[in-house]
PDB file of N, CA and C in Angstrom:
ATOM      1  N   MET A   1       0.842  -1.167   0.000  1.00  0.00           N
ATOM      2  CA  MET A   1       0.000   0.000   0.000  1.00  0.00           C
ATOM      3  C   MET A   1       0.896   1.241   0.000  1.00  0.00           C
ATOM      4  N   VAL A   2       0.539   2.176  -0.830  1.00  0.00           N
ATOM      5  CA  VAL A   2       1.364   3.376  -1.008  1.00  0.00           C
ATOM      6  C   VAL A   2       1.384   4.230   0.251  1.00  0.00           C
ATOM      7  N   ILE A   3       0.251   4.321   0.937  1.00  0.00           N
ATOM      8  CA  ILE A   3       0.181   5.161   2.130  1.00  0.00           C
ATOM      9  C   ILE A   3       1.122   4.646   3.215  1.00  0.00           C
ATOM     10  N   ASN A   4       1.216   3.340   3.368  1.00  0.00           N
ATOM     11  CA  ASN A   4       2.131   2.784   4.375  1.00  0.00           C
ATOM     12  C   ASN A   4       3.575   3.171   4.084  1.00  0.00           C
ATOM     13  N   ARG A   5       3.963   3.102   2.831  1.00  0.00           N
ATOM     14  CA  ARG A   5       5.336   3.469   2.463  1.00  0.00           C
ATOM     15  C   ARG A   5       5.575   4.962   2.646  1.00  0.00           C
ATOM     16  N   LEU A   6       4.589   5.756   2.327  1.00  0.00           N
ATOM     17  CA  LEU A   6       4.713   7.205   2.497  1.00  0.00           C
ATOM     18  C   LEU A   6       4.850   7.564   3.976  1.00  0.00           C
ATOM     19  N   LEU A   7       4.017   6.964   4.818  1.00  0.00           N
ATOM     20  CA  LEU A   7       4.095   7.245   6.248  1.00  0.00           C
ATOM     21  C   LEU A   7       5.396   6.714   6.850  1.00  0.00           C
ATOM     22  N   ALA A   8       5.874   5.582   6.364  1.00  0.00           N
ATOM     23  CA  ALA A   8       7.162   5.067   6.838  1.00  0.00           C
ATOM     24  C   ALA A   8       8.284   6.024   6.450  1.00  0.00           C
ATOM     25  N   GLY A   9       8.211   6.595   5.258  1.00  0.00           N
ATOM     26  CA  GLY A   9       9.205   7.584   4.842  1.00  0.00           C
ATOM     27  C   GLY A   9       9.171   8.832   5.697  1.00  0.00           C
ATOM     28  N   VAL A  10       7.978   9.274   6.064  1.00  0.00           N
ATOM     29  CA  VAL A  10       7.842  10.456   6.923  1.00  0.00           C
ATOM     30  C   VAL A  10       8.423  10.177   8.306  1.00  0.00           C
ATOM     31  N   ILE A  11       8.145   9.005   8.849  1.00  0.00           N
ATOM     32  CA  ILE A  11       8.677   8.653  10.171  1.00  0.00           C
ATOM     33  C   ILE A  11      10.202   8.531  10.116  1.00  0.00           C
ATOM     34  N   PHE A  12      10.725   7.929   9.047  1.00  0.00           N
ATOM     35  CA  PHE A  12      12.183   7.823   8.902  1.00  0.00           C
ATOM     36  C   PHE A  12      12.821   9.209   8.808  1.00  0.00           C
ATOM     37  N   MET A  13      12.177  10.125   8.083  1.00  0.00           N
ATOM     38  CA  MET A  13      12.686  11.483   7.977  1.00  0.00           C
ATOM     39  C   MET A  13      12.714  12.159   9.354  1.00  0.00           C
ATOM     40  N   GLN A  14      11.653  11.968  10.141  1.00  0.00           N
ATOM     41  CA  GLN A  14      11.615  12.567  11.466  1.00  0.00           C
ATOM     42  C   GLN A  14      12.673  11.960  12.397  1.00  0.00           C
ATOM     43  N   MET A  15      12.918  10.654  12.243  1.00  0.00           N
ATOM     44  CA  MET A  15      13.961  10.027  13.057  1.00  0.00           C
ATOM     45  C   MET A  15      15.348  10.550  12.681  1.00  0.00           C
ATOM     46  N   LEU A  16      15.569  10.810  11.401  1.00  0.00           N
ATOM     47  CA  LEU A  16      16.831  11.438  10.983  1.00  0.00           C
ATOM     48  C   LEU A  16      16.960  12.848  11.555  1.00  0.00           C
ATOM     49  N   MET A  17      15.835  13.544  11.640  1.00  0.00           N
ATOM     50  CA  MET A  17      15.840  14.886  12.220  1.00  0.00           C
ATOM     51  C   MET A  17      16.188  14.839  13.705  1.00  0.00           C
ATOM     52  N   VAL A  18      15.643  13.864  14.421  1.00  0.00           N
ATOM     53  CA  VAL A  18      15.973  13.698  15.840  1.00  0.00           C
ATOM     54  C   VAL A  18      17.466  13.416  16.000  1.00  0.00           C
ATOM     55  N   ALA A  19      17.982  12.508  15.170  1.00  0.00           N
ATOM     56  CA  ALA A  19      19.406  12.171  15.267  1.00  0.00           C
ATOM     57  C   ALA A  19      20.287  13.361  14.906  1.00  0.00           C
ATOM     58  N   THR A  20      19.914  14.100  13.883  1.00  0.00           N
ATOM     59  CA  THR A  20      20.717  15.252  13.471  1.00  0.00           C
ATOM     60  C   THR A  20      20.755  16.325  14.546  1.00  0.00           C
ATOM     61  N   ILE A  21      19.603  16.662  15.078  1.00  0.00           N
ATOM     62  CA  ILE A  21      19.547  17.697  16.113  1.00  0.00           C
ATOM     63  C   ILE A  21      20.222  17.215  17.394  1.00  0.00           C
ATOM     64  N   GLY A  22      20.001  15.951  17.740  1.00  0.00           N
ATOM     65  CA  GLY A  22      20.621  15.414  18.954  1.00  0.00           C
ATOM     66  C   GLY A  22      22.130  15.374  18.871  1.00  0.00           C
ATOM     67  N   LEU A  23      22.649  14.997  17.701  1.00  0.00           N
ATOM     68  CA  LEU A  23      24.103  14.939  17.553  1.00  0.00           C
ATOM     69  C   LEU A  23      24.719  16.318  17.406  1.00  0.00           C
ATOM     70  N   ALA A  24      24.020  17.232  16.765  1.00  0.00           N
ATOM     71  CA  ALA A  24      24.581  18.565  16.552  1.00  0.00           C
ATOM     72  C   ALA A  24      24.591  19.390  17.837  1.00  0.00           C
ATOM     73  N   LEU A  25      23.531  19.329  18.610  1.00  0.00           N
ATOM     74  CA  LEU A  25      23.423  20.179  19.799  1.00  0.00           C
ATOM     75  C   LEU A  25      23.744  19.453  21.096  1.00  0.00           C
ATOM     76  N   GLY A  26      23.855  18.166  21.041  1.00  0.00           N
ATOM     77  CA  GLY A  26      24.138  17.397  22.255  1.00  0.00           C
ATOM     78  C   GLY A  26      22.862  16.848  22.851  1.00  0.00           C
ATOM     79  N   TRP A  27      22.931  15.590  23.248  1.00  0.00           N
ATOM     80  CA  TRP A  27      21.730  14.939  23.761  1.00  0.00           C
ATOM     81  C   TRP A  27      21.377  15.423  25.162  1.00  0.00           C
ATOM     82  N   ARG A  28      22.380  15.657  25.998  1.00  0.00           N
ATOM     83  CA  ARG A  28      22.119  16.025  27.389  1.00  0.00           C
ATOM     84  C   ARG A  28      22.122  17.528  27.619  1.00  0.00           C
ATOM     85  N   ASP A  29      22.871  18.256  26.825  1.00  0.00           N
ATOM     86  CA  ASP A  29      23.010  19.696  27.042  1.00  0.00           C
ATOM     87  C   ASP A  29      21.775  20.467  26.590  1.00  0.00           C
ATOM     88  N   ASP A  30      21.242  20.086  25.464  1.00  0.00           N
ATOM     89  CA  ASP A  30      20.128  20.836  24.883  1.00  0.00           C
ATOM     90  C   ASP A  30      19.013  19.849  24.518  1.00  0.00           C
ATOM     91  N   PHE A  31      17.825  20.094  25.022  1.00  0.00           N
ATOM     92  CA  PHE A  31      16.706  19.183  24.776  1.00  0.00           C
ATOM     93  C   PHE A  31      15.810  19.651  23.632  1.00  0.00           C
ATOM     94  N   THR A  32      16.408  20.308  22.647  1.00  0.00           N
ATOM     95  CA  THR A  32      15.650  20.744  21.473  1.00  0.00           C
ATOM     96  C   THR A  32      15.163  19.550  20.665  1.00  0.00           C
ATOM     97  N   TRP A  33      15.896  18.450  20.694  1.00  0.00           N
ATOM     98  CA  TRP A  33      15.526  17.261  19.927  1.00  0.00           C
ATOM     99  C   TRP A  33      14.198  16.666  20.390  1.00  0.00           C
ATOM    100  N   VAL A  34      13.791  16.972  21.625  1.00  0.00           N
ATOM    101  CA  VAL A  34      12.521  16.456  22.139  1.00  0.00           C
ATOM    102  C   VAL A  34      11.341  17.053  21.363  1.00  0.00           C
ATOM    103  N   ALA A  35      11.522  18.228  20.795  1.00  0.00           N
ATOM    104  CA  ALA A  35      10.450  18.874  20.026  1.00  0.00           C
ATOM    105  C   ALA A  35      10.154  18.131  18.728  1.00  0.00           C
ATOM    106  N   THR A  36      11.057  17.276  18.293  1.00  0.00           N
ATOM    107  CA  THR A  36      10.815  16.532  17.058  1.00  0.00           C
ATOM    108  C   THR A  36      10.097  15.208  17.301  1.00  0.00           C
ATOM    109  N   LEU A  37       9.834  14.844  18.545  1.00  0.00           N
ATOM    110  CA  LEU A  37       9.139  13.598  18.838  1.00  0.00           C
ATOM    111  C   LEU A  37       7.619  13.638  18.597  1.00  0.00           C
ATOM    112  N   PRO A  38       6.923  14.734  18.878  1.00  0.00           N
ATOM    113  CA  PRO A  38       5.476  14.736  18.634  1.00  0.00           C
ATOM    114  C   PRO A  38       5.050  14.457  17.191  1.00  0.00           C
ATOM    115  N   PRO A  39       5.765  14.938  16.163  1.00  0.00           N
ATOM    116  CA  PRO A  39       5.335  14.564  14.805  1.00  0.00           C
ATOM    117  C   PRO A  39       5.399  13.060  14.545  1.00  0.00           C
ATOM    118  N   ILE A  40       6.353  12.372  15.153  1.00  0.00           N
ATOM    119  CA  ILE A  40       6.431  10.923  14.990  1.00  0.00           C
ATOM    120  C   ILE A  40       5.208  10.264  15.614  1.00  0.00           C
ATOM    121  N   LEU A  41       4.867  10.700  16.823  1.00  0.00           N
ATOM    122  CA  LEU A  41       3.701  10.139  17.501  1.00  0.00           C
ATOM    123  C   LEU A  41       2.405  10.466  16.764  1.00  0.00           C
ATOM    124  N   LEU A  42       2.296  11.688  16.266  1.00  0.00           N
ATOM    125  CA  LEU A  42       1.096  12.063  15.511  1.00  0.00           C
ATOM    126  C   LEU A  42       0.973  11.271  14.213  1.00  0.00           C
ATOM    127  N   THR A  43       2.089  10.993  13.572  1.00  0.00           N
ATOM    128  CA  THR A  43       2.062  10.191  12.343  1.00  0.00           C
ATOM    129  C   THR A  43       1.619   8.768  12.642  1.00  0.00           C
ATOM    130  N   LEU A  44       2.104   8.197  13.734  1.00  0.00           N
ATOM    131  CA  LEU A  44       1.683   6.852  14.120  1.00  0.00           C
ATOM    132  C   LEU A  44       0.197   6.806  14.474  1.00  0.00           C
ATOM    133  N   LEU A  45      -0.282   7.836  15.167  1.00  0.00           N
ATOM    134  CA  LEU A  45      -1.717   7.903  15.485  1.00  0.00           C
ATOM    135  C   LEU A  45      -2.553   8.059  14.219  1.00  0.00           C
ATOM    136  N   PHE A  46      -2.070   8.835  13.270  1.00  0.00           N
ATOM    137  CA  PHE A  46      -2.775   8.987  11.997  1.00  0.00           C
ATOM    138  C   PHE A  46      -2.822   7.669  11.236  1.00  0.00           C
ATOM    139  N   LYS A  47      -1.722   6.909  11.294  1.00  0.00           N
ATOM    140  CA  LYS A  47      -1.689   5.594  10.651  1.00  0.00           C
ATOM    141  C   LYS A  47      -2.717   4.658  11.281  1.00  0.00           C
ATOM    142  N   LEU A  48      -2.819   4.676  12.599  1.00  0.00           N
ATOM    143  CA  LEU A  48      -3.826   3.854  13.276  1.00  0.00           C
ATOM    144  C   LEU A  48      -5.233   4.270  12.884  1.00  0.00           C
ATOM    145  N   TYR A  49      -5.462   5.576  12.784  1.00  0.00           N
ATOM    146  CA  TYR A  49      -6.778   6.062  12.368  1.00  0.00           C
ATOM    147  C   TYR A  49      -7.110   5.586  10.959  1.00  0.00           C
ATOM    148  N   LEU A  50      -6.149   5.690  10.046  1.00  0.00           N
ATOM    149  CA  LEU A  50      -6.388   5.238   8.674  1.00  0.00           C
ATOM    150  C   LEU A  50      -6.668   3.748   8.605  1.00  0.00           C
ATOM    151  N   SER A  51      -5.901   2.964   9.351  1.00  0.00           N
ATOM    152  CA  SER A  51      -6.088   1.518   9.278  1.00  0.00           C
ATOM    153  C   SER A  51      -7.415   1.085   9.889  1.00  0.00           C
ATOM    154  N   ARG A  52      -7.858   1.741  10.930  1.00  0.00           N
ATOM    155  CA  ARG A  52      -9.137   1.369  11.541  1.00  0.00           C
ATOM    156  C   ARG A  52     -10.329   1.871  10.750  1.00  0.00           C
ATOM    157  N   THR A  53     -10.161   2.970  10.032  1.00  0.00           N
ATOM    158  CA  THR A  53     -11.286   3.570   9.330  1.00  0.00           C
ATOM    159  C   THR A  53     -11.435   3.060   7.908  1.00  0.00           C
ATOM    160  N   PHE A  54     -10.344   2.946   7.165  1.00  0.00           N
ATOM    161  CA  PHE A  54     -10.455   2.734   5.727  1.00  0.00           C
ATOM    162  C   PHE A  54      -9.976   1.381   5.207  1.00  0.00           C
ATOM    163  N   VAL A  55      -9.174   0.640   5.932  1.00  0.00           N
ATOM    164  CA  VAL A  55      -8.599  -0.586   5.388  1.00  0.00           C
ATOM    165  C   VAL A  55      -9.677  -1.618   5.067  1.00  0.00           C
ATOM    166  N   LYS A  56     -10.667  -1.757   5.930  1.00  0.00           N
ATOM    167  CA  LYS A  56     -11.729  -2.728   5.681  1.00  0.00           C
ATOM    168  C   LYS A  56     -12.490  -2.407   4.401  1.00  0.00           C
ATOM    169  N   GLN A  57     -12.667  -1.129   4.110  1.00  0.00           N
ATOM    170  CA  GLN A  57     -13.431  -0.720   2.937  1.00  0.00           C
ATOM    171  C   GLN A  57     -12.673  -0.972   1.640  1.00  0.00           C
ATOM    172  N   PHE A  58     -11.356  -0.930   1.663  1.00  0.00           N
ATOM    173  CA  PHE A  58     -10.594  -1.011   0.425  1.00  0.00           C
ATOM    174  C   PHE A  58      -9.917  -2.361   0.207  1.00  0.00           C
ATOM    175  N   ARG A  59      -9.793  -3.176   1.214  1.00  0.00           N
ATOM    176  CA  ARG A  59      -9.188  -4.491   1.016  1.00  0.00           C
ATOM    177  C   ARG A  59     -10.099  -5.397   0.201  1.00  0.00           C
ATOM    178  N   HIS A  60     -11.339  -5.496   0.629  1.00  0.00           N
ATOM    179  CA  HIS A  60     -12.306  -6.362  -0.036  1.00  0.00           C
ATOM    180  C   HIS A  60     -13.560  -5.542  -0.308  1.00  0.00           C
ATOM    181  N   PHE A  61     -13.744  -5.157  -1.547  1.00  0.00           N
ATOM    182  CA  PHE A  61     -14.902  -4.347  -1.911  1.00  0.00           C
ATOM    183  C   PHE A  61     -16.107  -5.258  -2.087  1.00  0.00           C
ATOM    184  N   VAL A  62     -17.132  -5.015  -1.304  1.00  0.00           N
ATOM    185  CA  VAL A  62     -18.376  -5.773  -1.403  1.00  0.00           C
ATOM    186  C   VAL A  62     -19.481  -4.775  -1.742  1.00  0.00           C
ATOM    187  N   PRO A  63     -19.952  -4.778  -2.997  1.00  0.00           N
ATOM    188  CA  PRO A  63     -20.973  -3.805  -3.385  1.00  0.00           C
ATOM    189  C   PRO A  63     -22.327  -4.134  -2.767  1.00  0.00           C
ATOM    190  N   ASP A  64     -23.123  -3.090  -2.560  1.00  0.00           N
ATOM    191  CA  ASP A  64     -24.476  -3.322  -2.078  1.00  0.00           C
ATOM    192  C   ASP A  64     -25.427  -3.496  -3.266  1.00  0.00           C
ATOM    193  N   LYS A  65     -26.714  -3.652  -3.000  1.00  0.00           N
ATOM    194  CA  LYS A  65     -27.676  -3.963  -4.062  1.00  0.00           C
ATOM    195  C   LYS A  65     -27.805  -2.839  -5.082  1.00  0.00           C
ATOM    196  N   SER A  66     -27.742  -1.599  -4.648  1.00  0.00           N
ATOM    197  CA  SER A  66     -27.874  -0.484  -5.593  1.00  0.00           C
ATOM    198  C   SER A  66     -26.670  -0.414  -6.534  1.00  0.00           C
ATOM    199  N   GLU A  67     -25.476  -0.695  -6.025  1.00  0.00           N
ATOM    200  CA  GLU A  67     -24.290  -0.688  -6.883  1.00  0.00           C
ATOM    201  C   GLU A  67     -24.308  -1.861  -7.857  1.00  0.00           C
ATOM    202  N   LEU A  68     -24.832  -2.985  -7.433  1.00  0.00           N
ATOM    203  CA  LEU A  68     -24.933  -4.132  -8.332  1.00  0.00           C
ATOM    204  C   LEU A  68     -25.950  -3.893  -9.441  1.00  0.00           C
ATOM    205  N   SER A  69     -27.036  -3.208  -9.111  1.00  0.00           N
ATOM    206  CA  SER A  69     -28.058  -2.961 -10.133  1.00  0.00           C
ATOM    207  C   SER A  69     -27.583  -1.946 -11.175  1.00  0.00           C
ATOM    208  N   ASN A  70     -26.683  -1.058 -10.811  1.00  0.00           N
ATOM    209  CA  ASN A  70     -26.170  -0.052 -11.748  1.00  0.00           C
ATOM    210  C   ASN A  70     -24.964  -0.542 -12.545  1.00  0.00           C
ATOM    211  N   ALA A  71     -24.429  -1.708 -12.222  1.00  0.00           N
ATOM    212  CA  ALA A  71     -23.233  -2.203 -12.877  1.00  0.00           C
ATOM    213  C   ALA A  71     -23.559  -2.689 -14.285  1.00  0.00           C
ATOM    214  N   LEU A  72     -22.680  -2.331 -15.214  1.00  0.00           N
ATOM    215  CA  LEU A  72     -22.814  -2.807 -16.584  1.00  0.00           C
ATOM    216  C   LEU A  72     -21.829  -3.951 -16.789  1.00  0.00           C
ATOM    217  N   VAL A  73     -22.332  -5.061 -17.271  1.00  0.00           N
ATOM    218  CA  VAL A  73     -21.493  -6.238 -17.457  1.00  0.00           C
ATOM    219  C   VAL A  73     -21.273  -6.446 -18.943  1.00  0.00           C
ATOM    220  N   HIS A  74     -20.027  -6.563 -19.336  1.00  0.00           N
ATOM    221  CA  HIS A  74     -19.694  -6.821 -20.734  1.00  0.00           C
ATOM    222  C   HIS A  74     -19.666  -8.329 -20.950  1.00  0.00           C
ATOM    223  N   SER A  75     -20.304  -8.760 -21.985  1.00  0.00           N
ATOM    224  CA  SER A  75     -20.269 -10.191 -22.304  1.00  0.00           C
ATOM    225  C   SER A  75     -19.656 -10.368 -23.683  1.00  0.00           C
ATOM    226  N   ALA A  76     -18.943 -11.446 -23.839  1.00  0.00           N
ATOM    227  CA  ALA A  76     -18.293 -11.716 -25.115  1.00  0.00           C
ATOM    228  C   ALA A  76     -19.315 -11.988 -26.206  1.00  0.00           C
ATOM    229  N   GLY A  77     -20.465 -12.578 -25.844  1.00  0.00           N
ATOM    230  CA  GLY A  77     -21.507 -12.862 -26.835  1.00  0.00           C
ATOM    231  C   GLY A  77     -22.094 -11.591 -27.426  1.00  0.00           C
ATOM    232  N   ALA A  78     -22.245 -10.560 -26.638  1.00  0.00           N
ATOM    233  CA  ALA A  78     -22.793  -9.309 -27.141  1.00  0.00           C
ATOM    234  C   ALA A  78     -21.829  -8.648 -28.116  1.00  0.00           C
ATOM    235  N   ASP A  79     -20.539  -8.806 -27.898  1.00  0.00           N
ATOM    236  CA  ASP A  79     -19.567  -8.225 -28.806  1.00  0.00           C
ATOM    237  C   ASP A  79     -19.560  -8.966 -30.147  1.00  0.00           C
ATOM    238  N   HIS A  80     -19.751 -10.255 -30.126  1.00  0.00           N
ATOM    239  CA  HIS A  80     -19.779 -11.021 -31.376  1.00  0.00           C
ATOM    240  C   HIS A  80     -20.960 -10.616 -32.242  1.00  0.00           C
ATOM    241  N   ARG A  81     -22.058 -10.268 -31.631  1.00  0.00           N
ATOM    242  CA  ARG A  81     -23.240  -9.873 -32.412  1.00  0.00           C
ATOM    243  C   ARG A  81     -23.084  -8.474 -32.988  1.00  0.00           C
ATOM    244  N   GLY A  82     -22.568  -7.556 -32.206  1.00  0.00           N
ATOM    245  CA  GLY A  82     -22.516  -6.173 -32.668  1.00  0.00           C
ATOM    246  C   GLY A  82     -21.162  -5.759 -33.206  1.00  0.00           C
ATOM    247  N   ASN A  83     -20.122  -6.544 -32.979  1.00  0.00           N
ATOM    248  CA  ASN A  83     -18.751  -6.217 -33.379  1.00  0.00           C
ATOM    249  C   ASN A  83     -18.349  -4.803 -32.922  1.00  0.00           C
ATOM    250  N   LYS A  84     -18.664  -4.481 -31.682  1.00  0.00           N
ATOM    251  CA  LYS A  84     -18.428  -3.136 -31.169  1.00  0.00           C
ATOM    252  C   LYS A  84     -16.954  -2.903 -30.824  1.00  0.00           C
ATOM    253  N   LEU A  85     -16.261  -3.951 -30.447  1.00  0.00           N
ATOM    254  CA  LEU A  85     -14.859  -3.758 -30.063  1.00  0.00           C
ATOM    255  C   LEU A  85     -13.919  -3.715 -31.254  1.00  0.00           C
ATOM    256  N   GLU A  86     -14.374  -4.056 -32.419  1.00  0.00           N
ATOM    257  CA  GLU A  86     -13.516  -4.044 -33.605  1.00  0.00           C
ATOM    258  C   GLU A  86     -13.369  -2.645 -34.181  1.00  0.00           C
ATOM    259  N   LYS A  87     -14.285  -1.772 -33.886  1.00  0.00           N
ATOM    260  CA  LYS A  87     -14.274  -0.428 -34.494  1.00  0.00           C
ATOM    261  C   LYS A  87     -13.259   0.475 -33.893  1.00  0.00           C
TER     262      LYS A  87
END
């Protein structure tokens, strides 16, 4: 799933930011790196929200009766009679 890879990339970017700030300013001397932790947590919470809300709907699509009645089904026999796909 593309969203999982995108969110993993965002989290990896934030972890690089934590490491960069922590190494540049010092882990114990300056706690500026702590400010980069909330985006990681918010991204993980957003991922949980997406998985609980939308994954069931998109993994296995089960149409209801109205969607089935509006569906157009192509049959090979109809094409042989009208030769519509040859044009």
